[in-house]
Protein backbone atom coordinates (compact mmCIF):
# COMPACT_ATOMS: atom_id res chain seq x y z
CA MET A 1 -139.31 -105.06 52.39
CA ARG A 2 -139.82 -101.55 53.23
CA ARG A 3 -140.11 -99.88 56.51
CA SER A 4 -142.90 -98.20 57.65
CA ALA A 5 -143.06 -94.28 58.40
CA ALA A 6 -143.24 -95.29 62.21
CA GLY A 7 -139.65 -97.03 62.30
CA ARG A 8 -137.79 -94.29 60.44
CA ARG A 9 -134.98 -92.76 62.82
CA GLY A 10 -133.63 -89.21 62.34
CA PHE A 11 -134.61 -85.90 61.47
CA THR A 12 -136.24 -84.39 58.42
CA ILE A 13 -134.45 -81.43 56.22
CA ILE A 14 -137.23 -79.03 57.43
CA GLU A 15 -136.46 -79.91 61.12
CA MET A 16 -132.90 -79.58 60.87
CA ASN A 17 -133.35 -75.72 58.86
CA ALA A 18 -135.52 -74.76 61.72
CA VAL A 19 -133.23 -75.78 64.31
CA VAL A 20 -130.13 -74.20 62.34
CA ALA A 21 -132.32 -70.63 62.16
CA VAL A 22 -132.91 -70.43 65.89
CA LEU A 23 -129.38 -71.23 66.04
CA LEU A 24 -128.27 -68.44 63.86
CA LEU A 25 -130.89 -65.77 65.42
CA ALA A 26 -129.63 -66.39 68.86
CA THR A 27 -125.89 -65.90 67.69
CA ALA A 28 -126.99 -62.89 65.59
CA ILE A 29 -128.75 -61.43 68.95
CA VAL A 30 -125.53 -62.48 71.03
CA VAL A 31 -122.40 -61.63 69.20
CA PRO A 32 -122.75 -58.05 68.97
CA ASN A 33 -123.72 -57.52 72.69
CA LEU A 34 -120.65 -59.62 73.75
CA VAL A 35 -118.45 -57.21 71.59
CA MET A 36 -120.06 -54.10 72.80
CA VAL A 37 -119.12 -55.29 76.28
CA ARG A 38 -115.76 -56.23 75.45
CA ARG A 39 -115.42 -52.88 73.97
CA SER A 40 -116.68 -50.98 76.76
CA ARG A 41 -114.69 -53.34 79.16
CA GLU A 42 -111.45 -52.23 77.25
CA ARG A 43 -112.58 -48.48 76.78
CA ASP A 44 -112.62 -48.37 80.56
CA ASP A 45 -109.70 -49.88 81.26
CA VAL A 46 -107.88 -47.35 79.18
CA MET A 47 -109.94 -44.38 81.36
CA ALA A 48 -108.39 -46.32 84.44
CA LYS A 49 -105.20 -46.30 83.41
CA LEU A 50 -105.13 -42.59 82.15
CA ALA A 51 -106.67 -41.68 85.68
CA ARG A 52 -103.76 -43.65 87.39
CA ALA A 53 -101.06 -41.66 85.31
CA PRO A 54 -100.93 -38.65 87.93
CA ILE A 55 -100.81 -40.95 91.06
CA THR A 56 -97.93 -42.75 89.24
CA ALA A 57 -96.30 -39.40 88.42
CA LEU A 58 -97.00 -38.32 91.92
CA ASN A 59 -95.39 -41.30 93.77
CA THR A 60 -92.29 -41.32 91.31
CA ALA A 61 -91.87 -37.59 91.88
CA GLN A 62 -92.23 -38.59 95.72
CA ASN A 63 -89.98 -41.68 95.62
CA SER A 64 -87.02 -40.16 93.38
CA GLY A 65 -86.98 -36.95 94.84
CA ASP A 66 -86.91 -35.57 90.65
CA PRO A 67 -90.08 -33.62 89.32
CA VAL A 68 -91.86 -35.85 87.06
CA ARG A 69 -93.81 -34.47 84.21
CA MET A 70 -97.06 -35.94 81.91
CA THR A 71 -97.25 -35.05 78.32
CA VAL A 72 -99.32 -36.01 75.46
CA MET A 73 -97.10 -37.40 72.92
CA GLU A 74 -99.05 -38.63 69.32
CA ASP A 75 -101.85 -40.72 70.61
CA ALA A 76 -100.43 -41.63 74.35
CA LEU A 77 -99.80 -40.05 77.83
CA VAL A 78 -96.42 -40.23 78.79
CA VAL A 79 -94.87 -39.97 82.43
CA GLU A 80 -91.42 -38.83 82.40
CA GLN A 81 -89.13 -38.77 85.31
CA MET A 82 -87.47 -35.30 85.10
CA PRO A 83 -83.91 -35.38 86.49
CA ILE A 84 -82.24 -32.01 87.20
CA ASP A 85 -78.48 -33.39 86.33
CA GLY A 86 -79.84 -36.20 83.02
CA GLU A 87 -82.11 -36.74 80.46
CA ALA A 88 -85.57 -37.72 80.88
CA GLN A 89 -86.78 -41.31 82.09
CA GLU A 90 -90.18 -42.69 80.80
CA VAL A 91 -91.87 -43.82 83.51
CA THR A 92 -95.12 -44.94 81.57
CA ARG A 93 -96.99 -44.93 78.92
CA VAL A 94 -101.23 -45.21 78.06
CA SER A 95 -101.95 -45.21 74.64
CA PHE A 96 -105.23 -44.16 73.87
CA ALA A 97 -105.23 -43.63 70.12
CA ASP A 98 -107.71 -47.11 69.47
CA TRP A 99 -110.67 -45.65 72.02
CA PHE A 100 -110.68 -41.75 72.31
CA THR A 101 -109.30 -38.42 70.10
CA LEU A 102 -107.72 -35.85 72.30
CA ASP A 103 -110.00 -32.81 71.55
CA SER A 104 -108.93 -30.35 73.45
CA GLN A 105 -105.94 -29.58 76.56
CA GLN A 106 -106.35 -26.95 79.12
CA GLN A 107 -103.79 -25.86 81.92
CA ASP A 108 -104.15 -23.30 84.64
CA GLY A 109 -107.71 -22.23 83.23
CA GLY A 110 -107.24 -22.03 79.96
CA GLU A 111 -107.24 -23.76 76.76
CA ILE A 112 -103.68 -24.38 74.82
CA ASP A 113 -102.56 -25.41 71.62
CA GLN A 114 -102.13 -29.36 71.01
CA GLY A 115 -98.21 -30.46 71.98
CA GLU A 116 -97.84 -27.63 74.54
CA TRP A 117 -99.83 -29.36 77.12
CA GLU A 118 -97.71 -30.71 80.35
CA TRP A 119 -98.21 -31.71 83.69
CA TRP A 120 -95.89 -31.67 86.91
CA ALA A 121 -95.56 -33.12 89.88
CA TYR A 122 -93.09 -32.33 92.44
CA PRO A 123 -91.27 -34.50 95.40
CA ASP A 124 -93.30 -32.38 97.78
CA GLY A 125 -96.52 -33.49 96.66
CA ARG A 126 -97.27 -30.18 94.69
CA ALA A 127 -98.62 -30.57 90.84
CA ALA A 128 -100.07 -28.56 88.25
CA GLU A 129 -103.79 -27.99 87.27
CA ALA A 130 -104.87 -29.10 84.17
CA SER A 131 -107.07 -31.24 81.95
CA LEU A 132 -107.69 -33.28 79.20
CA THR A 133 -110.92 -33.26 77.01
CA PHE A 134 -111.05 -36.55 74.93
CA VAL A 135 -113.62 -37.47 72.41
CA ASP A 136 -115.18 -41.37 71.43
CA GLY A 137 -118.11 -40.69 69.41
CA ALA A 138 -120.65 -38.49 70.69
CA ASP A 139 -119.51 -39.12 73.92
CA VAL A 140 -117.50 -36.35 75.55
CA ARG A 141 -115.35 -36.97 78.55
CA THR A 142 -112.72 -34.55 80.18
CA LEU A 143 -110.01 -35.88 82.72
CA THR A 144 -109.30 -33.39 85.29
CA LEU A 145 -106.12 -33.32 87.14
CA THR A 146 -105.92 -31.45 90.44
CA LYS A 147 -103.05 -29.59 92.56
CA GLU A 148 -102.93 -32.68 94.87
CA GLY A 149 -102.21 -35.07 92.40
CA ARG A 150 -105.81 -36.43 92.05
CA ALA A 151 -107.54 -37.35 88.84
CA TYR A 152 -111.18 -37.79 88.07
CA TRP A 153 -113.26 -38.06 84.97
CA LEU A 154 -115.94 -35.41 83.94
CA ARG A 155 -118.88 -36.20 81.35
CA GLY A 156 -118.75 -33.24 78.87
CA GLU A 157 -116.35 -30.27 78.48
CA PRO A 158 -114.51 -28.59 81.55
CA GLU A 159 -116.76 -25.42 82.74
CA GLU A 160 -115.24 -22.41 82.37
CA GLN A 161 -114.82 -20.67 85.95
CA GLY A 162 -117.21 -17.29 85.75
CA GLU A 163 -117.67 -14.69 87.88
CA THR A 164 -120.37 -15.94 89.80
CA GLU A 165 -118.61 -18.91 91.24
CA TRP A 166 -116.18 -18.97 93.86
CA THR A 167 -113.36 -21.50 95.59
CA ALA A 168 -115.30 -23.43 98.47
CA GLY A 169 -113.99 -21.92 101.71
CA GLU A 170 -114.17 -18.14 100.18
CA ILE A 171 -117.27 -15.67 101.16
CA GLU A 172 -118.74 -13.99 98.69
CA VAL A 173 -120.47 -10.60 99.12
CA ARG A 174 -123.70 -10.18 97.21
CA GLU A 175 -125.08 -6.56 96.92
């Protein structure tokens, strides 16, 4: 005896294909966004570690009584304690190779050659002034390090201080 069409259970092949197509479409939309969010979060984490490195250097210098140097070695920012009577001891290393390309290095207001950049933190709280410019695709960001040991990110290249600019607190006489 044959069953009638009304008594059948299950889905037709067309209904199954429609469900699979909707799921594939949803996956195609969601997965790239999830990957982009993850990459952005990891890149932001590296940026935060790079910005914390000067604070680590300054704290290490003040706690140990020895100067601390930050340098760029290959594709990493390296913080080293520099005892006067001993060898350099690595404190921390932040790799940026997977996220950024180092574009330029500035120290004391001028650009310097690759491999010569270094930033010093001293036990008395003093530090050098410098910056590093990183490129991530079309995005250019500059990590600026102040004499007080602070670090902050700027979008774009560092600005050259021209003759029309002056330090806050100074008086400029205009003719």
